[in-house]
Amino acid sequence: MQDTLQDHHTSISIAGRRICIFRFADDIDLLAGTNTKLQDLTGKLTQSTGSFGMEVSTEKSKVMVNSKDETQAVIYMNGQQLEEVGSFTYLGGSIQRMVLAGRKY
């Protein structure tokens, strides 16, 4: 995983700390500021896991956008476009797209 993230620099920060991935055991959540960067990171992840004989499930993999712009996520993994969701569960907690005054954030 360290090799996969070595050259990835994110524009996302939480409490002033730059974050590009949440991971615990076999749960991995990738974070990126653009579709292009997320697609690149997703490709690196599938390539890295494949080199160890593992495969990332495209059925379980989802994409969530949290942006001030009306942005749609178009991310592919193993030739399949990933489903975009408005929320997901990570380590038992719900992470939801922010909505303020009718706009998605």
PDB file of N, CA and C in Angstrom:
ATOM      1  N   MET A   1       0.825  -1.188   0.000  1.00  0.00           N
ATOM      2  CA  MET A   1       0.000   0.000   0.000  1.00  0.00           C
ATOM      3  C   MET A   1       0.871   1.254   0.000  1.00  0.00           C
ATOM      4  N   GLN A   2       1.993   1.217   0.702  1.00  0.00           N
ATOM      5  CA  GLN A   2       2.873   2.381   0.732  1.00  0.00           C
ATOM      6  C   GLN A   2       3.343   2.749  -0.671  1.00  0.00           C
ATOM      7  N   ASP A   3       3.673   1.732  -1.494  1.00  0.00           N
ATOM      8  CA  ASP A   3       4.098   1.992  -2.868  1.00  0.00           C
ATOM      9  C   ASP A   3       2.981   2.639  -3.671  1.00  0.00           C
ATOM     10  N   THR A   4       1.766   2.206  -3.446  1.00  0.00           N
ATOM     11  CA  THR A   4       0.614   2.734  -4.169  1.00  0.00           C
ATOM     12  C   THR A   4       0.427   4.216  -3.883  1.00  0.00           C
ATOM     13  N   LEU A   5       0.614   4.622  -2.649  1.00  0.00           N
ATOM     14  CA  LEU A   5       0.359   6.003  -2.229  1.00  0.00           C
ATOM     15  C   LEU A   5       1.583   6.904  -2.279  1.00  0.00           C
ATOM     16  N   GLN A   6       2.728   6.347  -2.622  1.00  0.00           N
ATOM     17  CA  GLN A   6       3.986   7.083  -2.547  1.00  0.00           C
ATOM     18  C   GLN A   6       3.945   8.436  -3.259  1.00  0.00           C
ATOM     19  N   ASP A   7       3.405   8.496  -4.465  1.00  0.00           N
ATOM     20  CA  ASP A   7       3.402   9.741  -5.234  1.00  0.00           C
ATOM     21  C   ASP A   7       2.058  10.458  -5.220  1.00  0.00           C
ATOM     22  N   HIS A   8       1.113   9.990  -4.407  1.00  0.00           N
ATOM     23  CA  HIS A   8      -0.215  10.602  -4.382  1.00  0.00           C
ATOM     24  C   HIS A   8      -0.246  11.738  -3.366  1.00  0.00           C
ATOM     25  N   HIS A   9      -0.595  12.915  -3.834  1.00  0.00           N
ATOM     26  CA  HIS A   9      -0.729  14.089  -2.970  1.00  0.00           C
ATOM     27  C   HIS A   9      -2.166  14.571  -3.095  1.00  0.00           C
ATOM     28  N   THR A  10      -2.841  14.725  -1.993  1.00  0.00           N
ATOM     29  CA  THR A  10      -4.254  15.069  -2.005  1.00  0.00           C
ATOM     30  C   THR A  10      -4.491  16.524  -1.628  1.00  0.00           C
ATOM     31  N   SER A  11      -5.639  17.035  -2.071  1.00  0.00           N
ATOM     32  CA  SER A  11      -6.038  18.391  -1.696  1.00  0.00           C
ATOM     33  C   SER A  11      -7.047  18.347  -0.554  1.00  0.00           C
ATOM     34  N   ILE A  12      -7.345  17.164  -0.050  1.00  0.00           N
ATOM     35  CA  ILE A  12      -8.334  16.999   1.017  1.00  0.00           C
ATOM     36  C   ILE A  12      -7.627  17.044   2.366  1.00  0.00           C
ATOM     37  N   SER A  13      -8.192  17.830   3.283  1.00  0.00           N
ATOM     38  CA  SER A  13      -7.602  17.880   4.615  1.00  0.00           C
ATOM     39  C   SER A  13      -8.697  17.825   5.669  1.00  0.00           C
ATOM     40  N   ILE A  14      -8.370  17.217   6.773  1.00  0.00           N
ATOM     41  CA  ILE A  14      -9.250  17.142   7.936  1.00  0.00           C
ATOM     42  C   ILE A  14      -8.442  17.663   9.108  1.00  0.00           C
ATOM     43  N   ALA A  15      -8.943  18.715   9.740  1.00  0.00           N
ATOM     44  CA  ALA A  15      -8.257  19.374  10.854  1.00  0.00           C
ATOM     45  C   ALA A  15      -6.820  19.745  10.485  1.00  0.00           C
ATOM     46  N   GLY A  16      -6.646  20.199   9.233  1.00  0.00           N
ATOM     47  CA  GLY A  16      -5.343  20.650   8.778  1.00  0.00           C
ATOM     48  C   GLY A  16      -4.388  19.560   8.339  1.00  0.00           C
ATOM     49  N   ARG A  17      -4.788  18.301   8.444  1.00  0.00           N
ATOM     50  CA  ARG A  17      -3.925  17.181   8.046  1.00  0.00           C
ATOM     51  C   ARG A  17      -4.410  16.616   6.714  1.00  0.00           C
ATOM     52  N   ARG A  18      -3.506  16.495   5.747  1.00  0.00           N
ATOM     53  CA  ARG A  18      -3.868  15.969   4.427  1.00  0.00           C
ATOM     54  C   ARG A  18      -4.168  14.474   4.523  1.00  0.00           C
ATOM     55  N   ILE A  19      -5.309  14.087   3.947  1.00  0.00           N
ATOM     56  CA  ILE A  19      -5.784  12.710   4.024  1.00  0.00           C
ATOM     57  C   ILE A  19      -6.072  12.209   2.615  1.00  0.00           C
ATOM     58  N   CYS A  20      -5.570  11.018   2.273  1.00  0.00           N
ATOM     59  CA  CYS A  20      -5.877  10.446   0.961  1.00  0.00           C
ATOM     60  C   CYS A  20      -6.448   9.032   1.070  1.00  0.00           C
ATOM     61  N   ILE A  21      -6.468   8.474   2.269  1.00  0.00           N
ATOM     62  CA  ILE A  21      -6.975   7.116   2.421  1.00  0.00           C
ATOM     63  C   ILE A  21      -7.371   6.862   3.869  1.00  0.00           C
ATOM     64  N   PHE A  22      -8.465   6.122   4.035  1.00  0.00           N
ATOM     65  CA  PHE A  22      -8.822   5.549   5.330  1.00  0.00           C
ATOM     66  C   PHE A  22      -8.657   4.045   5.141  1.00  0.00           C
ATOM     67  N   ARG A  23      -7.990   3.378   6.057  1.00  0.00           N
ATOM     68  CA  ARG A  23      -7.867   1.927   5.922  1.00  0.00           C
ATOM     69  C   ARG A  23      -7.828   1.270   7.289  1.00  0.00           C
ATOM     70  N   PHE A  24      -8.496   0.127   7.355  1.00  0.00           N
ATOM     71  CA  PHE A  24      -8.510  -0.694   8.548  1.00  0.00           C
ATOM     72  C   PHE A  24      -8.806  -2.111   8.099  1.00  0.00           C
ATOM     73  N   ALA A  25      -7.898  -3.017   8.366  1.00  0.00           N
ATOM     74  CA  ALA A  25      -8.034  -4.421   7.943  1.00  0.00           C
ATOM     75  C   ALA A  25      -8.277  -4.463   6.437  1.00  0.00           C
ATOM     76  N   ASP A  26      -9.435  -4.992   6.003  1.00  0.00           N
ATOM     77  CA  ASP A  26      -9.692  -5.078   4.561  1.00  0.00           C
ATOM     78  C   ASP A  26     -10.622  -3.976   4.059  1.00  0.00           C
ATOM     79  N   ASP A  27     -10.873  -2.958   4.883  1.00  0.00           N
ATOM     80  CA  ASP A  27     -11.684  -1.809   4.464  1.00  0.00           C
ATOM     81  C   ASP A  27     -10.760  -0.678   4.037  1.00  0.00           C
ATOM     82  N   ILE A  28     -10.932  -0.222   2.799  1.00  0.00           N
ATOM     83  CA  ILE A  28     -10.106   0.862   2.276  1.00  0.00           C
ATOM     84  C   ILE A  28     -11.021   1.899   1.637  1.00  0.00           C
ATOM     85  N   ASP A  29     -10.851   3.147   2.015  1.00  0.00           N
ATOM     86  CA  ASP A  29     -11.576   4.262   1.402  1.00  0.00           C
ATOM     87  C   ASP A  29     -10.553   5.238   0.864  1.00  0.00           C
ATOM     88  N   LEU A  30     -10.608   5.473  -0.449  1.00  0.00           N
ATOM     89  CA  LEU A  30      -9.675   6.382  -1.111  1.00  0.00           C
ATOM     90  C   LEU A  30     -10.302   7.769  -1.200  1.00  0.00           C
ATOM     91  N   LEU A  31      -9.503   8.810  -1.054  1.00  0.00           N
ATOM     92  CA  LEU A  31      -9.969  10.186  -1.119  1.00  0.00           C
ATOM     93  C   LEU A  31      -9.131  10.955  -2.126  1.00  0.00           C
ATOM     94  N   ALA A  32      -9.799  11.748  -2.962  1.00  0.00           N
ATOM     95  CA  ALA A  32      -9.081  12.568  -3.934  1.00  0.00           C
ATOM     96  C   ALA A  32      -9.919  13.791  -4.261  1.00  0.00           C
ATOM     97  N   GLY A  33      -9.252  14.836  -4.731  1.00  0.00           N
ATOM     98  CA  GLY A  33      -9.915  16.101  -5.020  1.00  0.00           C
ATOM     99  C   GLY A  33     -10.569  16.177  -6.389  1.00  0.00           C
ATOM    100  N   THR A  34     -10.223  15.270  -7.303  1.00  0.00           N
ATOM    101  CA  THR A  34     -10.806  15.275  -8.651  1.00  0.00           C
ATOM    102  C   THR A  34     -11.066  13.858  -9.120  1.00  0.00           C
ATOM    103  N   ASN A  35     -11.933  13.734 -10.142  1.00  0.00           N
ATOM    104  CA  ASN A  35     -12.180  12.425 -10.753  1.00  0.00           C
ATOM    105  C   ASN A  35     -10.879  11.829 -11.273  1.00  0.00           C
ATOM    106  N   THR A  36     -10.070  12.652 -11.921  1.00  0.00           N
ATOM    107  CA  THR A  36      -8.822  12.170 -12.513  1.00  0.00           C
ATOM    108  C   THR A  36      -7.892  11.592 -11.455  1.00  0.00           C
ATOM    109  N   LYS A  37      -7.744  12.312 -10.350  1.00  0.00           N
ATOM    110  CA  LYS A  37      -6.874  11.826  -9.281  1.00  0.00           C
ATOM    111  C   LYS A  37      -7.424  10.567  -8.626  1.00  0.00           C
ATOM    112  N   LEU A  38      -8.751  10.502  -8.456  1.00  0.00           N
ATOM    113  CA  LEU A  38      -9.348   9.309  -7.861  1.00  0.00           C
ATOM    114  C   LEU A  38      -9.230   8.122  -8.807  1.00  0.00           C
ATOM    115  N   GLN A  39      -9.409   8.356 -10.099  1.00  0.00           N
ATOM    116  CA  GLN A  39      -9.257   7.272 -11.071  1.00  0.00           C
ATOM    117  C   GLN A  39      -7.824   6.747 -11.061  1.00  0.00           C
ATOM    118  N   ASP A  40      -6.860   7.655 -10.986  1.00  0.00           N
ATOM    119  CA  ASP A  40      -5.454   7.258 -10.935  1.00  0.00           C
ATOM    120  C   ASP A  40      -5.172   6.432  -9.684  1.00  0.00           C
ATOM    121  N   LEU A  41      -5.663   6.882  -8.546  1.00  0.00           N
ATOM    122  CA  LEU A  41      -5.446   6.169  -7.288  1.00  0.00           C
ATOM    123  C   LEU A  41      -6.132   4.807  -7.304  1.00  0.00           C
ATOM    124  N   THR A  42      -7.331   4.749  -7.862  1.00  0.00           N
ATOM    125  CA  THR A  42      -8.057   3.484  -7.973  1.00  0.00           C
ATOM    126  C   THR A  42      -7.287   2.499  -8.848  1.00  0.00           C
ATOM    127  N   GLY A  43      -6.750   2.981  -9.963  1.00  0.00           N
ATOM    128  CA  GLY A  43      -5.955   2.134 -10.842  1.00  0.00           C
ATOM    129  C   GLY A  43      -4.702   1.614 -10.152  1.00  0.00           C
ATOM    130  N   LYS A  44      -4.038   2.475  -9.404  1.00  0.00           N
ATOM    131  CA  LYS A  44      -2.840   2.060  -8.671  1.00  0.00           C
ATOM    132  C   LYS A  44      -3.184   1.009  -7.619  1.00  0.00           C
ATOM    133  N   LEU A  45      -4.321   1.181  -6.948  1.00  0.00           N
ATOM    134  CA  LEU A  45      -4.736   0.213  -5.934  1.00  0.00           C
ATOM    135  C   LEU A  45      -4.994  -1.158  -6.559  1.00  0.00           C
ATOM    136  N   THR A  46      -5.746  -1.208  -7.650  1.00  0.00           N
ATOM    137  CA  THR A  46      -6.052  -2.505  -8.269  1.00  0.00           C
ATOM    138  C   THR A  46      -4.790  -3.157  -8.827  1.00  0.00           C
ATOM    139  N   GLN A  47      -3.884  -2.352  -9.348  1.00  0.00           N
ATOM    140  CA  GLN A  47      -2.626  -2.895  -9.870  1.00  0.00           C
ATOM    141  C   GLN A  47      -1.768  -3.439  -8.719  1.00  0.00           C
ATOM    142  N   SER A  48      -1.686  -2.696  -7.642  1.00  0.00           N
ATOM    143  CA  SER A  48      -0.882  -3.110  -6.494  1.00  0.00           C
ATOM    144  C   SER A  48      -1.432  -4.387  -5.851  1.00  0.00           C
ATOM    145  N   THR A  49      -2.726  -4.442  -5.635  1.00  0.00           N
ATOM    146  CA  THR A  49      -3.309  -5.639  -5.027  1.00  0.00           C
ATOM    147  C   THR A  49      -3.174  -6.838  -5.956  1.00  0.00           C
ATOM    148  N   GLY A  50      -3.314  -6.602  -7.256  1.00  0.00           N
ATOM    149  CA  GLY A  50      -3.176  -7.683  -8.230  1.00  0.00           C
ATOM    150  C   GLY A  50      -1.787  -8.291  -8.233  1.00  0.00           C
ATOM    151  N   SER A  51      -0.771  -7.480  -7.968  1.00  0.00           N
ATOM    152  CA  SER A  51       0.594  -8.004  -7.943  1.00  0.00           C
ATOM    153  C   SER A  51       0.811  -8.954  -6.769  1.00  0.00           C
ATOM    154  N   PHE A  52      -0.087  -8.928  -5.773  1.00  0.00           N
ATOM    155  CA  PHE A  52      -0.022  -9.850  -4.635  1.00  0.00           C
ATOM    156  C   PHE A  52      -1.070 -10.952  -4.736  1.00  0.00           C
ATOM    157  N   GLY A  53      -1.707 -11.065  -5.913  1.00  0.00           N
ATOM    158  CA  GLY A  53      -2.705 -12.112  -6.122  1.00  0.00           C
ATOM    159  C   GLY A  53      -4.052 -11.819  -5.490  1.00  0.00           C
ATOM    160  N   MET A  54      -4.286 -10.559  -5.132  1.00  0.00           N
ATOM    161  CA  MET A  54      -5.572 -10.173  -4.534  1.00  0.00           C
ATOM    162  C   MET A  54      -6.388  -9.385  -5.547  1.00  0.00           C
ATOM    163  N   GLU A  55      -7.686  -9.289  -5.302  1.00  0.00           N
ATOM    164  CA  GLU A  55      -8.557  -8.548  -6.197  1.00  0.00           C
ATOM    165  C   GLU A  55      -9.503  -7.665  -5.389  1.00  0.00           C
ATOM    166  N   VAL A  56      -9.698  -6.434  -5.826  1.00  0.00           N
ATOM    167  CA  VAL A  56     -10.638  -5.521  -5.189  1.00  0.00           C
ATOM    168  C   VAL A  56     -12.012  -5.780  -5.799  1.00  0.00           C
ATOM    169  N   SER A  57     -13.022  -5.931  -4.985  1.00  0.00           N
ATOM    170  CA  SER A  57     -14.374  -6.223  -5.454  1.00  0.00           C
ATOM    171  C   SER A  57     -15.016  -4.986  -6.085  1.00  0.00           C
ATOM    172  N   THR A  58     -15.365  -5.090  -7.372  1.00  0.00           N
ATOM    173  CA  THR A  58     -16.067  -3.981  -8.017  1.00  0.00           C
ATOM    174  C   THR A  58     -17.508  -3.900  -7.534  1.00  0.00           C
ATOM    175  N   GLU A  59     -18.079  -5.014  -7.100  1.00  0.00           N
ATOM    176  CA  GLU A  59     -19.451  -5.000  -6.570  1.00  0.00           C
ATOM    177  C   GLU A  59     -19.537  -4.228  -5.263  1.00  0.00           C
ATOM    178  N   LYS A  60     -18.543  -4.364  -4.414  1.00  0.00           N
ATOM    179  CA  LYS A  60     -18.549  -3.696  -3.115  1.00  0.00           C
ATOM    180  C   LYS A  60     -18.001  -2.274  -3.184  1.00  0.00           C
ATOM    181  N   SER A  61     -17.293  -1.933  -4.249  1.00  0.00           N
ATOM    182  CA  SER A  61     -16.677  -0.615  -4.377  1.00  0.00           C
ATOM    183  C   SER A  61     -17.690   0.410  -4.865  1.00  0.00           C
ATOM    184  N   LYS A  62     -17.753   1.542  -4.208  1.00  0.00           N
ATOM    185  CA  LYS A  62     -18.684   2.625  -4.531  1.00  0.00           C
ATOM    186  C   LYS A  62     -17.923   3.944  -4.560  1.00  0.00           C
ATOM    187  N   VAL A  63     -18.561   4.974  -5.083  1.00  0.00           N
ATOM    188  CA  VAL A  63     -17.978   6.316  -5.149  1.00  0.00           C
ATOM    189  C   VAL A  63     -18.966   7.298  -4.538  1.00  0.00           C
ATOM    190  N   MET A  64     -18.452   8.255  -3.754  1.00  0.00           N
ATOM    191  CA  MET A  64     -19.290   9.317  -3.212  1.00  0.00           C
ATOM    192  C   MET A  64     -18.599  10.650  -3.457  1.00  0.00           C
ATOM    193  N   VAL A  65     -19.341  11.610  -3.981  1.00  0.00           N
ATOM    194  CA  VAL A  65     -18.825  12.954  -4.227  1.00  0.00           C
ATOM    195  C   VAL A  65     -19.310  13.864  -3.112  1.00  0.00           C
ATOM    196  N   ASN A  66     -18.411  14.679  -2.606  1.00  0.00           N
ATOM    197  CA  ASN A  66     -18.762  15.678  -1.613  1.00  0.00           C
ATOM    198  C   ASN A  66     -18.126  16.984  -2.069  1.00  0.00           C
ATOM    199  N   SER A  67     -18.870  17.749  -2.872  1.00  0.00           N
ATOM    200  CA  SER A  67     -18.309  18.926  -3.526  1.00  0.00           C
ATOM    201  C   SER A  67     -19.327  20.058  -3.565  1.00  0.00           C
ATOM    202  N   LYS A  68     -18.846  21.285  -3.615  1.00  0.00           N
ATOM    203  CA  LYS A  68     -19.723  22.438  -3.773  1.00  0.00           C
ATOM    204  C   LYS A  68     -20.271  22.518  -5.187  1.00  0.00           C
ATOM    205  N   ASP A  69     -19.576  21.905  -6.121  1.00  0.00           N
ATOM    206  CA  ASP A  69     -20.019  21.897  -7.521  1.00  0.00           C
ATOM    207  C   ASP A  69     -20.950  20.724  -7.764  1.00  0.00           C
ATOM    208  N   GLU A  70     -21.786  20.847  -8.769  1.00  0.00           N
ATOM    209  CA  GLU A  70     -22.643  19.733  -9.173  1.00  0.00           C
ATOM    210  C   GLU A  70     -21.772  18.749  -9.960  1.00  0.00           C
ATOM    211  N   THR A  71     -21.046  17.946  -9.253  1.00  0.00           N
ATOM    212  CA  THR A  71     -20.081  17.040  -9.849  1.00  0.00           C
ATOM    213  C   THR A  71     -20.615  15.619  -9.800  1.00  0.00           C
ATOM    214  N   GLN A  72     -20.353  14.874 -10.859  1.00  0.00           N
ATOM    215  CA  GLN A  72     -20.709  13.459 -10.898  1.00  0.00           C
ATOM    216  C   GLN A  72     -19.420  12.660 -10.926  1.00  0.00           C
ATOM    217  N   ALA A  73     -19.388  11.576 -10.191  1.00  0.00           N
ATOM    218  CA  ALA A  73     -18.205  10.719 -10.171  1.00  0.00           C
ATOM    219  C   ALA A  73     -18.290   9.715 -11.313  1.00  0.00           C
ATOM    220  N   VAL A  74     -17.245   9.654 -12.095  1.00  0.00           N
ATOM    221  CA  VAL A  74     -17.153   8.668 -13.165  1.00  0.00           C
ATOM    222  C   VAL A  74     -15.817   7.957 -12.976  1.00  0.00           C
ATOM    223  N   ILE A  75     -15.862   6.875 -12.206  1.00  0.00           N
ATOM    224  CA  ILE A  75     -14.661   6.119 -11.864  1.00  0.00           C
ATOM    225  C   ILE A  75     -14.857   4.675 -12.304  1.00  0.00           C
ATOM    226  N   TYR A  76     -13.835   4.140 -12.963  1.00  0.00           N
ATOM    227  CA  TYR A  76     -13.884   2.758 -13.444  1.00  0.00           C
ATOM    228  C   TYR A  76     -12.888   1.896 -12.687  1.00  0.00           C
ATOM    229  N   MET A  77     -13.307   0.656 -12.433  1.00  0.00           N
ATOM    230  CA  MET A  77     -12.433  -0.333 -11.829  1.00  0.00           C
ATOM    231  C   MET A  77     -12.646  -1.644 -12.566  1.00  0.00           C
ATOM    232  N   ASN A  78     -11.580  -2.221 -13.057  1.00  0.00           N
ATOM    233  CA  ASN A  78     -11.655  -3.474 -13.813  1.00  0.00           C
ATOM    234  C   ASN A  78     -12.655  -3.376 -14.965  1.00  0.00           C
ATOM    235  N   GLY A  79     -12.688  -2.214 -15.621  1.00  0.00           N
ATOM    236  CA  GLY A  79     -13.552  -2.018 -16.783  1.00  0.00           C
ATOM    237  C   GLY A  79     -15.007  -1.711 -16.469  1.00  0.00           C
ATOM    238  N   GLN A  80     -15.381  -1.630 -15.202  1.00  0.00           N
ATOM    239  CA  GLN A  80     -16.763  -1.339 -14.812  1.00  0.00           C
ATOM    240  C   GLN A  80     -16.833   0.018 -14.131  1.00  0.00           C
ATOM    241  N   GLN A  81     -17.872   0.799 -14.476  1.00  0.00           N
ATOM    242  CA  GLN A  81     -18.075   2.076 -13.797  1.00  0.00           C
ATOM    243  C   GLN A  81     -18.626   1.797 -12.407  1.00  0.00           C
ATOM    244  N   LEU A  82     -18.041   2.437 -11.398  1.00  0.00           N
ATOM    245  CA  LEU A  82     -18.490   2.240 -10.026  1.00  0.00           C
ATOM    246  C   LEU A  82     -19.753   3.042  -9.749  1.00  0.00           C
ATOM    247  N   GLU A  83     -20.607   2.482  -8.924  1.00  0.00           N
ATOM    248  CA  GLU A  83     -21.866   3.128  -8.545  1.00  0.00           C
ATOM    249  C   GLU A  83     -21.586   4.324  -7.637  1.00  0.00           C
ATOM    250  N   GLU A  84     -22.289   5.434  -7.898  1.00  0.00           N
ATOM    251  CA  GLU A  84     -22.182   6.609  -7.037  1.00  0.00           C
ATOM    252  C   GLU A  84     -23.254   6.533  -5.962  1.00  0.00           C
ATOM    253  N   VAL A  85     -22.869   6.787  -4.709  1.00  0.00           N
ATOM    254  CA  VAL A  85     -23.796   6.717  -3.580  1.00  0.00           C
ATOM    255  C   VAL A  85     -23.783   8.035  -2.819  1.00  0.00           C
ATOM    256  N   GLY A  86     -24.804   8.249  -2.000  1.00  0.00           N
ATOM    257  CA  GLY A  86     -24.900   9.455  -1.185  1.00  0.00           C
ATOM    258  C   GLY A  86     -24.395   9.256   0.229  1.00  0.00           C
ATOM    259  N   SER A  87     -24.137   7.987   0.605  1.00  0.00           N
ATOM    260  CA  SER A  87     -23.607   7.684   1.929  1.00  0.00           C
ATOM    261  C   SER A  87     -22.998   6.288   1.903  1.00  0.00           C
ATOM    262  N   PHE A  88     -22.157   6.022   2.895  1.00  0.00           N
ATOM    263  CA  PHE A  88     -21.616   4.673   3.061  1.00  0.00           C
ATOM    264  C   PHE A  88     -21.242   4.478   4.518  1.00  0.00           C
ATOM    265  N   THR A  89     -21.045   3.240   4.901  1.00  0.00           N
ATOM    266  CA  THR A  89     -20.685   2.913   6.273  1.00  0.00           C
ATOM    267  C   THR A  89     -19.217   2.553   6.323  1.00  0.00           C
ATOM    268  N   TYR A  90     -18.502   3.159   7.258  1.00  0.00           N
ATOM    269  CA  TYR A  90     -17.095   2.855   7.463  1.00  0.00           C
ATOM    270  C   TYR A  90     -16.874   2.593   8.938  1.00  0.00           C
ATOM    271  N   LEU A  91     -16.426   1.399   9.269  1.00  0.00           N
ATOM    272  CA  LEU A  91     -16.195   0.974  10.645  1.00  0.00           C
ATOM    273  C   LEU A  91     -17.404   1.240  11.536  1.00  0.00           C
ATOM    274  N   GLY A  92     -18.584   0.963  11.003  1.00  0.00           N
ATOM    275  CA  GLY A  92     -19.823   1.084  11.760  1.00  0.00           C
ATOM    276  C   GLY A  92     -20.423   2.478  11.792  1.00  0.00           C
ATOM    277  N   GLY A  93     -19.738   3.461  11.244  1.00  0.00           N
ATOM    278  CA  GLY A  93     -20.248   4.834  11.227  1.00  0.00           C
ATOM    279  C   GLY A  93     -20.713   5.223   9.837  1.00  0.00           C
ATOM    280  N   SER A  94     -21.738   6.040   9.771  1.00  0.00           N
ATOM    281  CA  SER A  94     -22.284   6.484   8.492  1.00  0.00           C
ATOM    282  C   SER A  94     -21.600   7.765   8.032  1.00  0.00           C
ATOM    283  N   ILE A  95     -21.090   7.737   6.813  1.00  0.00           N
ATOM    284  CA  ILE A  95     -20.492   8.919   6.199  1.00  0.00           C
ATOM    285  C   ILE A  95     -21.442   9.350   5.095  1.00  0.00           C
ATOM    286  N   GLN A  96     -21.932  10.584   5.178  1.00  0.00           N
ATOM    287  CA  GLN A  96     -22.947  11.054   4.242  1.00  0.00           C
ATOM    288  C   GLN A  96     -22.480  12.303   3.513  1.00  0.00           C
ATOM    289  N   ARG A  97     -22.981  12.413   2.270  1.00  0.00           N
ATOM    290  CA  ARG A  97     -22.736  13.614   1.484  1.00  0.00           C
ATOM    291  C   ARG A  97     -23.463  14.766   2.185  1.00  0.00           C
ATOM    292  N   MET A  98     -22.778  15.881   2.300  1.00  0.00           N
ATOM    293  CA  MET A  98     -23.387  17.032   2.948  1.00  0.00           C
ATOM    294  C   MET A  98     -24.340  17.726   2.001  1.00  0.00           C
ATOM    295  N   VAL A  99     -25.517  18.094   2.496  1.00  0.00           N
ATOM    296  CA  VAL A  99     -26.486  18.840   1.698  1.00  0.00           C
ATOM    297  C   VAL A  99     -26.857  20.077   2.503  1.00  0.00           C
ATOM    298  N   LEU A 100     -26.698  21.237   1.883  1.00  0.00           N
ATOM    299  CA  LEU A 100     -26.988  22.497   2.566  1.00  0.00           C
ATOM    300  C   LEU A 100     -27.812  23.368   1.628  1.00  0.00           C
ATOM    301  N   ALA A 101     -28.993  23.743   2.054  1.00  0.00           N
ATOM    302  CA  ALA A 101     -29.877  24.615   1.269  1.00  0.00           C
ATOM    303  C   ALA A 101     -30.095  24.063  -0.129  1.00  0.00           C
ATOM    304  N   GLY A 102     -30.338  22.762  -0.208  1.00  0.00           N
ATOM    305  CA  GLY A 102     -30.655  22.149  -1.480  1.00  0.00           C
ATOM    306  C   GLY A 102     -29.456  21.857  -2.373  1.00  0.00           C
ATOM    307  N   ARG A 103     -28.260  22.212  -1.938  1.00  0.00           N
ATOM    308  CA  ARG A 103     -27.051  21.961  -2.727  1.00  0.00           C
ATOM    309  C   ARG A 103     -26.220  20.877  -2.059  1.00  0.00           C
ATOM    310  N   LYS A 104     -25.622  20.053  -2.867  1.00  0.00           N
ATOM    311  CA  LYS A 104     -24.764  18.988  -2.344  1.00  0.00           C
ATOM    312  C   LYS A 104     -23.380  19.563  -2.061  1.00  0.00           C
ATOM    313  N   TYR A 105     -22.794  19.152  -0.939  1.00  0.00           N
ATOM    314  CA  TYR A 105     -21.432  19.559  -0.585  1.00  0.00           C
ATOM    315  C   TYR A 105     -20.633  18.338  -0.214  1.00  0.00           C
TER     316      TYR A 105
END
